[in-house]
Protein backbone atom coordinates (compact mmCIF):
# COMPACT_ATOMS: atom_id res chain seq x y z
CA GLN A 1 -19.93 25.74 37.96
CA VAL A 2 -16.40 26.13 39.15
CA ARG A 3 -15.02 23.40 41.09
CA LEU A 4 -11.45 23.39 42.92
CA VAL A 5 -10.31 20.19 44.60
CA GLU A 6 -7.22 20.35 46.78
CA SER A 7 -5.02 17.39 47.55
CA GLY A 8 -1.44 16.56 49.06
CA GLY A 9 -2.08 17.61 52.64
CA GLY A 10 -0.85 15.49 55.52
CA MET A 11 1.30 15.25 58.38
CA VAL A 12 4.96 15.86 58.16
CA GLN A 13 7.77 16.44 60.46
CA PRO A 14 9.60 19.92 60.83
CA GLY A 15 12.06 20.40 58.08
CA GLY A 16 10.00 18.17 55.71
CA SER A 17 8.18 18.76 52.52
CA LEU A 18 5.01 18.44 50.85
CA THR A 19 3.39 19.25 47.64
CA LEU A 20 -0.12 20.57 47.24
CA SER A 21 -2.23 20.23 44.04
CA CYS A 22 -5.52 21.95 43.10
CA ALA A 23 -7.46 20.69 40.14
CA ALA A 24 -9.99 23.10 38.62
CA SER A 25 -12.97 22.78 36.46
CA GLY A 26 -15.77 24.72 35.13
CA ALA A 27 -13.55 27.75 34.32
CA THR A 28 -11.29 28.76 31.70
CA PHE A 29 -8.29 28.27 33.88
CA ASN A 30 -5.74 30.13 32.09
CA TYR A 31 -7.61 33.28 32.10
CA TYR A 32 -7.30 33.75 35.87
CA ALA A 33 -4.96 34.18 38.63
CA ILE A 34 -4.72 31.45 41.21
CA GLY A 35 -3.24 30.75 44.53
CA TRP A 36 -3.27 29.30 47.79
CA PHE A 37 -4.56 30.58 51.21
CA ARG A 38 -4.27 29.05 54.72
CA GLN A 39 -6.08 29.34 57.89
CA ALA A 40 -4.39 28.19 61.13
CA PRO A 41 -6.64 27.18 64.17
CA GLY A 42 -7.84 30.55 65.83
CA LYS A 43 -6.31 32.81 63.06
CA GLU A 44 -7.53 34.54 60.02
CA ARG A 45 -7.15 33.19 56.66
CA GLU A 46 -4.10 34.66 55.04
CA GLY A 47 -2.66 34.65 51.44
CA VAL A 48 0.20 32.32 51.02
CA SER A 49 1.12 32.44 47.26
CA ILE A 50 -0.48 33.49 44.05
CA ILE A 51 0.37 33.11 40.46
CA SER A 52 -0.74 35.19 37.64
CA ASN A 53 -2.79 33.96 34.45
CA SER A 54 -0.40 35.19 31.79
CA ASP A 55 3.03 35.94 32.65
CA GLY A 56 3.67 33.98 35.51
CA ASN A 57 4.25 36.52 38.25
CA THR A 58 4.12 35.24 41.52
CA TYR A 59 3.30 36.46 44.98
CA TYR A 60 4.54 34.92 48.12
CA ALA A 61 3.92 35.88 51.98
CA ASP A 62 7.06 36.75 53.81
CA SER A 63 6.78 33.82 56.00
CA VAL A 64 6.99 31.55 53.04
CA LYS A 65 9.59 33.32 50.88
CA GLY A 66 12.46 30.70 49.77
CA ARG A 67 10.63 27.91 51.07
CA PHE A 68 7.50 27.63 49.03
CA THR A 69 7.33 27.48 45.31
CA ILE A 70 3.92 28.09 43.24
CA SER A 71 3.62 26.80 39.71
CA ARG A 72 0.59 26.11 37.33
CA ASP A 73 -0.23 23.72 34.59
CA ASN A 74 -2.67 25.30 32.08
CA ILE A 75 -2.94 22.00 30.21
CA ARG A 76 -4.09 20.01 33.33
CA ASN A 77 -5.78 23.15 34.86
CA THR A 78 -3.89 22.45 37.96
CA VAL A 79 -1.97 24.74 40.44
CA TYR A 80 0.85 23.27 42.58
CA LEU A 81 2.41 24.38 45.99
CA GLN A 82 5.82 22.78 46.80
CA MET A 83 6.48 23.24 50.24
CA ASN A 84 10.04 22.88 51.62
CA SER A 85 11.44 23.30 55.17
CA LEU A 86 8.10 23.08 56.82
CA LYS A 87 7.85 24.59 60.23
CA PRO A 88 5.19 23.91 62.92
CA GLU A 89 3.86 27.30 62.29
CA ASP A 90 2.87 26.30 58.73
CA THR A 91 0.15 24.04 60.14
CA ALA A 92 -3.11 24.97 58.78
CA VAL A 93 -5.85 24.27 56.24
CA TYR A 94 -4.57 25.21 52.90
CA TYR A 95 -7.32 26.53 50.46
CA CYS A 96 -6.96 26.90 46.62
CA ASN A 97 -8.54 30.09 45.16
CA LEU A 98 -9.19 31.16 41.63
CA ASN A 99 -9.50 34.66 40.70
CA PHE A 100 -10.10 35.91 44.32
CA LEU A 101 -13.67 34.31 43.85
CA TYR A 102 -13.89 30.56 43.93
CA TRP A 103 -12.65 28.40 46.86
CA GLY A 104 -11.78 24.96 47.44
CA LYS A 105 -12.75 22.89 50.51
CA GLY A 106 -9.39 22.89 51.78
CA THR A 107 -6.64 20.24 52.73
CA LEU A 108 -5.06 20.00 56.05
CA VAL A 109 -1.15 20.23 56.55
CA THR A 110 0.19 19.39 59.97
CA VAL A 111 3.72 19.97 60.76
CA SER A 112 4.77 18.32 63.97
CA SER A 113 7.41 15.99 65.53
């Protein structure tokens, strides 16, 4: 049974930083791409960043390029999302996704002064 557990969300002021973590279990972690999606109130879920399983290729949504950095630790079965220069429009529930199939329950990020 695949389980994804996100952590690291919270409230931060505009311009601040947060690092999200997602710990995976129940799957051969290094076989799969893994990434982050987010859903803001009243909006559809959107892809934020994805990292491949093998060569470390990454994808970033245009809205977060240059501000967010995704990384993975295949020993700890964990993916991270370093978020800098946060904006109010980054406020959302952030979900971890493994291989475009499995989802975590999400962690709330609120950017507000």
